[in-house]
């Protein structure tokens, strides 16, 4: 699939728990050579940061700052699954 340079393609996959959203998204991203961002990884990353930071004074501010610093490299950390 070729896109014009000024057009960004964004596909969202929604469904119930265990319905195959990630599996389907992986197949689509592989077939069309697209990047894949799993919301589950985002949730795991934020939860990991909350659990490992015991001195949070303002949770809302902490969450905003943490979310703004997320990178794809950080989402690949194996610690998110332990």
Protein backbone atom coordinates (compact mmCIF):
# COMPACT_ATOMS: atom_id res chain seq x y z
CA UNK A 1 0.00 0.00 0.00
CA UNK A 2 1.48 3.35 -1.00
CA UNK A 3 0.32 6.56 0.58
CA UNK A 4 0.99 10.12 -0.39
CA UNK A 5 3.61 11.70 1.85
CA UNK A 6 1.18 14.16 3.43
CA UNK A 7 -1.38 11.49 4.39
CA UNK A 8 -1.06 9.52 7.62
CA UNK A 9 -2.85 6.21 7.92
CA UNK A 10 -4.20 5.35 11.35
CA UNK A 11 -6.15 2.16 11.98
CA UNK A 12 -7.82 1.48 15.34
CA UNK A 13 -8.89 -2.04 16.26
CA UNK A 14 -11.56 -2.38 18.93
CA UNK A 15 -13.25 -5.35 20.53
CA UNK A 16 -13.84 -7.32 23.67
CA UNK A 17 -11.22 -9.04 25.80
CA UNK A 18 -9.74 -12.08 24.08
CA UNK A 19 -11.42 -11.32 20.75
CA UNK A 20 -8.16 -11.26 18.77
CA UNK A 21 -7.57 -7.52 18.47
CA UNK A 22 -3.80 -7.74 18.84
CA UNK A 23 -3.54 -10.77 16.57
CA UNK A 24 -5.57 -9.05 13.86
CA UNK A 25 -3.65 -5.81 14.26
CA UNK A 26 -0.33 -7.65 13.97
CA UNK A 27 -1.46 -9.32 10.75
CA UNK A 28 -2.62 -6.02 9.25
CA UNK A 29 0.56 -4.18 10.28
CA UNK A 30 2.76 -6.93 8.86
CA UNK A 31 0.88 -7.18 5.57
CA UNK A 32 0.91 -3.43 4.92
CA UNK A 33 4.25 -2.70 6.62
CA UNK A 34 2.71 -0.40 9.23
CA UNK A 35 3.84 0.38 12.76
CA UNK A 36 1.84 -1.21 15.55
CA UNK A 37 1.09 0.43 18.87
CA UNK A 38 -0.78 -1.70 21.37
CA UNK A 39 -2.84 0.10 23.99
CA UNK A 40 -2.12 -2.81 26.32
CA UNK A 41 1.56 -1.88 26.27
CA UNK A 42 0.68 1.71 27.11
CA UNK A 43 -1.37 0.57 30.12
CA UNK A 44 1.40 -1.79 31.25
CA UNK A 45 4.01 0.97 31.00
CA UNK A 46 1.97 3.44 33.07
CA UNK A 47 1.15 0.76 35.67
CA UNK A 48 4.82 -0.24 35.85
CA UNK A 49 5.85 3.35 36.47
CA UNK A 50 3.17 3.80 39.16
CA UNK A 51 4.16 0.59 40.97
CA UNK A 52 7.88 1.39 40.91
CA UNK A 53 7.59 5.00 42.05
CA UNK A 54 6.63 5.04 45.72
CA UNK A 55 7.01 8.81 46.26
CA UNK A 56 4.30 10.25 44.02
CA UNK A 57 2.91 13.49 45.41
CA UNK A 58 0.53 14.38 42.59
CA UNK A 59 -0.70 11.32 40.66
CA UNK A 60 -2.37 13.31 37.89
CA UNK A 61 0.77 15.33 37.19
CA UNK A 62 2.90 12.17 37.40
CA UNK A 63 0.66 10.39 34.87
CA UNK A 64 0.72 13.31 32.43
CA UNK A 65 4.52 13.61 32.61
CA UNK A 66 4.98 9.84 32.29
CA UNK A 67 2.62 9.59 29.31
CA UNK A 68 4.38 12.44 27.53
CA UNK A 69 7.73 10.66 27.86
CA UNK A 70 6.63 7.32 26.38
CA UNK A 71 8.71 6.11 23.44
CA UNK A 72 8.50 2.93 21.38
CA UNK A 73 11.83 1.85 22.86
CA UNK A 74 10.45 2.14 26.40
CA UNK A 75 7.41 0.06 25.42
CA UNK A 76 9.68 -2.82 24.34
CA UNK A 77 11.07 -3.26 27.87
CA UNK A 78 10.65 -6.88 29.02
CA UNK A 79 10.05 -5.69 32.60
CA UNK A 80 6.54 -4.61 31.55
CA UNK A 81 5.51 -8.28 31.47
CA UNK A 82 6.85 -9.31 34.88
